[in-house]
Protein backbone atom coordinates (compact mmCIF):
# COMPACT_ATOMS: atom_id res chain seq x y z
CA MET A 1 -14.17 -33.87 57.72
CA GLU A 2 -14.26 -32.40 61.26
CA THR A 3 -15.54 -29.10 59.87
CA ILE A 4 -18.45 -30.88 58.17
CA VAL A 5 -19.37 -32.72 61.39
CA ALA A 6 -19.17 -29.48 63.41
CA LEU A 7 -21.32 -27.68 60.82
CA GLN A 8 -23.92 -30.46 60.91
CA GLU A 9 -24.01 -30.32 64.73
CA ALA A 10 -24.36 -26.53 64.61
CA LYS A 11 -27.29 -26.86 62.22
CA LYS A 12 -28.96 -29.40 64.54
CA VAL A 13 -28.54 -27.03 67.48
CA LYS A 14 -29.95 -24.13 65.47
CA ARG A 15 -33.02 -26.23 64.60
CA ILE A 16 -33.50 -27.06 68.28
CA ILE A 17 -33.04 -23.56 69.75
CA GLY A 18 -34.13 -21.45 66.79
CA ASN A 19 -32.75 -18.02 65.99
CA ASN A 20 -30.05 -17.30 68.55
CA TYR A 21 -30.81 -13.54 68.40
CA ALA A 22 -34.32 -14.26 69.68
CA LEU A 23 -33.05 -16.15 72.73
CA LYS A 24 -33.75 -14.63 76.12
CA THR A 25 -30.14 -14.97 77.22
CA SER A 26 -27.42 -12.43 77.93
CA SER A 27 -25.23 -14.04 75.26
CA LYS A 28 -26.28 -14.29 71.62
CA VAL A 29 -23.36 -16.57 70.72
CA ILE A 30 -24.67 -20.13 70.37
CA VAL A 31 -22.45 -22.11 72.77
CA PRO A 32 -22.53 -19.62 75.68
CA ALA A 33 -26.30 -19.17 75.15
CA ILE A 34 -26.86 -22.94 75.32
CA ASN A 35 -24.73 -23.13 78.47
CA GLU A 36 -26.73 -20.29 80.02
CA LEU A 37 -30.03 -22.02 79.23
CA TYR A 38 -28.68 -25.29 80.59
CA ASP A 39 -27.53 -23.57 83.80
CA ARG A 40 -30.97 -22.05 84.28
CA THR A 41 -32.82 -25.31 83.98
CA GLU A 42 -30.99 -28.55 84.53
CA SER A 43 -27.81 -27.95 86.44
CA GLN A 44 -29.04 -26.08 89.49
CA LEU A 45 -27.42 -27.95 92.34
CA GLU A 46 -29.29 -28.37 95.59
CA VAL A 47 -27.41 -29.33 98.72
CA TYR A 48 -28.95 -31.50 101.40
CA GLU A 49 -26.98 -31.27 104.60
CA THR A 50 -27.05 -32.84 108.05
CA THR A 51 -24.76 -33.09 111.05
CA ILE A 52 -24.28 -36.51 112.60
CA VAL A 53 -23.28 -35.72 116.17
CA ALA A 54 -20.81 -37.65 118.35
CA VAL A 55 -20.43 -40.94 116.50
CA GLY A 56 -18.34 -43.21 118.73
CA GLN A 57 -15.45 -45.42 117.74
CA ASN A 58 -16.67 -48.56 115.92
CA GLU A 59 -20.23 -47.21 116.06
CA LYS A 60 -22.62 -47.58 113.13
CA ARG A 61 -25.17 -44.74 113.04
CA ALA A 62 -28.27 -44.94 110.84
CA LEU A 63 -30.69 -42.07 110.18
CA TRP A 64 -33.27 -40.70 107.76
CA MET A 65 -32.37 -37.50 105.95
CA PRO A 66 -34.82 -35.22 104.05
CA PHE A 67 -34.12 -35.60 100.34
CA ILE A 68 -35.40 -35.20 96.78
CA GLN A 69 -38.21 -37.26 95.36
CA LEU A 70 -36.64 -37.75 91.95
CA GLY A 71 -33.33 -36.67 90.49
CA TYR A 72 -29.61 -37.31 90.43
CA ILE A 73 -27.01 -37.40 93.16
CA ARG A 74 -24.09 -35.41 91.77
CA GLY A 75 -21.77 -35.45 94.76
CA VAL A 76 -21.30 -36.66 98.32
CA LYS A 77 -19.10 -34.87 100.82
CA CYS A 78 -18.62 -36.02 104.39
CA THR A 79 -16.12 -34.51 106.77
CA GLY A 80 -15.38 -34.93 110.43
CA GLU A 81 -13.49 -33.01 113.02
CA GLU A 82 -9.72 -32.59 113.24
CA HIS A 83 -8.97 -36.10 114.53
CA THR A 84 -11.34 -38.02 112.28
CA GLY A 85 -10.05 -41.47 111.35
CA ASP A 86 -11.45 -44.06 108.98
CA PHE A 87 -15.17 -44.24 108.22
CA GLU A 88 -17.64 -45.61 105.69
CA LEU A 89 -20.80 -44.01 104.36
CA SER A 90 -23.71 -45.79 102.69
CA LEU A 91 -26.94 -44.42 101.24
CA PHE A 92 -30.05 -46.56 100.77
CA THR A 93 -33.55 -46.01 99.39
CA LYS A 94 -34.81 -47.33 102.77
CA PRO A 95 -33.43 -49.75 105.40
CA GLU A 96 -32.22 -53.05 103.94
CA VAL A 97 -34.50 -55.00 106.29
CA ASN A 98 -37.45 -53.21 104.64
CA GLY A 99 -36.27 -54.05 101.12
CA GLY A 100 -34.12 -50.96 100.66
CA LYS A 101 -31.55 -50.86 97.88
CA TYR A 102 -28.04 -49.46 97.88
CA VAL A 103 -27.81 -46.06 96.25
CA TYR A 104 -24.16 -45.37 97.15
CA LYS A 105 -21.35 -46.89 99.23
CA SER A 106 -18.08 -45.09 99.83
CA GLY A 107 -15.80 -47.88 101.00
CA THR A 108 -13.37 -46.99 103.80
CA VAL A 109 -12.01 -43.43 103.67
CA ARG A 110 -9.81 -41.41 106.01
CA ARG A 111 -10.82 -37.95 107.26
CA VAL A 112 -12.61 -36.62 104.15
CA LEU A 113 -15.02 -38.22 101.70
CA TRP A 114 -15.63 -36.22 98.52
CA ASP A 115 -17.10 -38.17 95.61
CA ILE A 116 -18.45 -36.72 92.39
CA MET A 117 -20.89 -38.81 90.39
CA GLN A 118 -24.22 -38.95 88.63
CA ILE A 119 -26.47 -41.54 90.28
CA PRO A 120 -30.20 -41.61 89.47
CA TYR A 121 -32.39 -41.53 92.58
CA HIS A 122 -36.10 -42.20 93.06
CA ASP A 123 -37.64 -41.97 96.53
CA GLU A 124 -38.98 -45.25 97.89
CA SER A 125 -39.62 -44.00 101.44
CA GLY A 126 -42.82 -42.21 100.50
CA THR A 127 -41.66 -39.24 102.59
CA ASN A 128 -38.89 -37.81 100.37
CA ASP A 129 -36.12 -39.12 102.62
CA ILE A 130 -32.92 -41.08 102.07
CA TYR A 131 -31.57 -43.63 104.55
CA VAL A 132 -27.99 -42.92 105.66
CA VAL A 133 -25.63 -45.33 107.43
CA LEU A 134 -22.30 -44.04 108.72
CA GLU A 135 -19.79 -46.40 110.32
CA ASN A 136 -17.04 -44.68 112.30
CA LYS A 137 -13.86 -46.76 112.69
CA GLY A 138 -11.87 -43.90 114.22
CA ALA A 139 -12.13 -41.78 117.36
CA LEU A 140 -15.36 -40.13 118.58
CA THR A 141 -16.30 -37.60 115.87
CA THR A 142 -19.11 -35.35 114.70
CA PHE A 143 -19.62 -35.59 110.94
CA ASN A 144 -21.03 -33.10 108.46
CA LEU A 145 -22.72 -34.77 105.48
CA GLN A 146 -23.59 -32.87 102.29
CA ILE A 147 -25.30 -34.49 99.32
CA TYR A 148 -25.41 -32.47 96.09
CA THR A 149 -28.37 -33.17 93.82
CA VAL A 150 -30.01 -32.07 90.59
CA LYS A 151 -33.76 -32.53 90.24
CA GLY A 152 -34.79 -34.47 87.23
């Protein structure tokens, strides 16, 4: 039964991509060729990065960060210096007071935040920015924020 299902799926793929020998890929084997095409188009990660300098203990810092207009957030990484304590990170479409919506909230983490996800994002700022709020509950720290995206 599994062989029949696999054969049917292979036939569907062949209808979609056509003759695999005519593909403009380095591999002519179906699965690696599909992966190569996928890598060329949809899975090209872009990293948006900013440094949030000298955030004091119990300070909440809010800022705008240049960002994509439309796509998916695939990962969020935020690290501090050696003595970083607890912190929280939130991403919004725009400030809550202006009707902004939560895009992402980390909860409390210690030292390193590294989340992998797939969250749809559509810019509401009108300037291709995302609104970032970082709350530092530990000692004075400079944070490095990286947001991994895929346009879509």
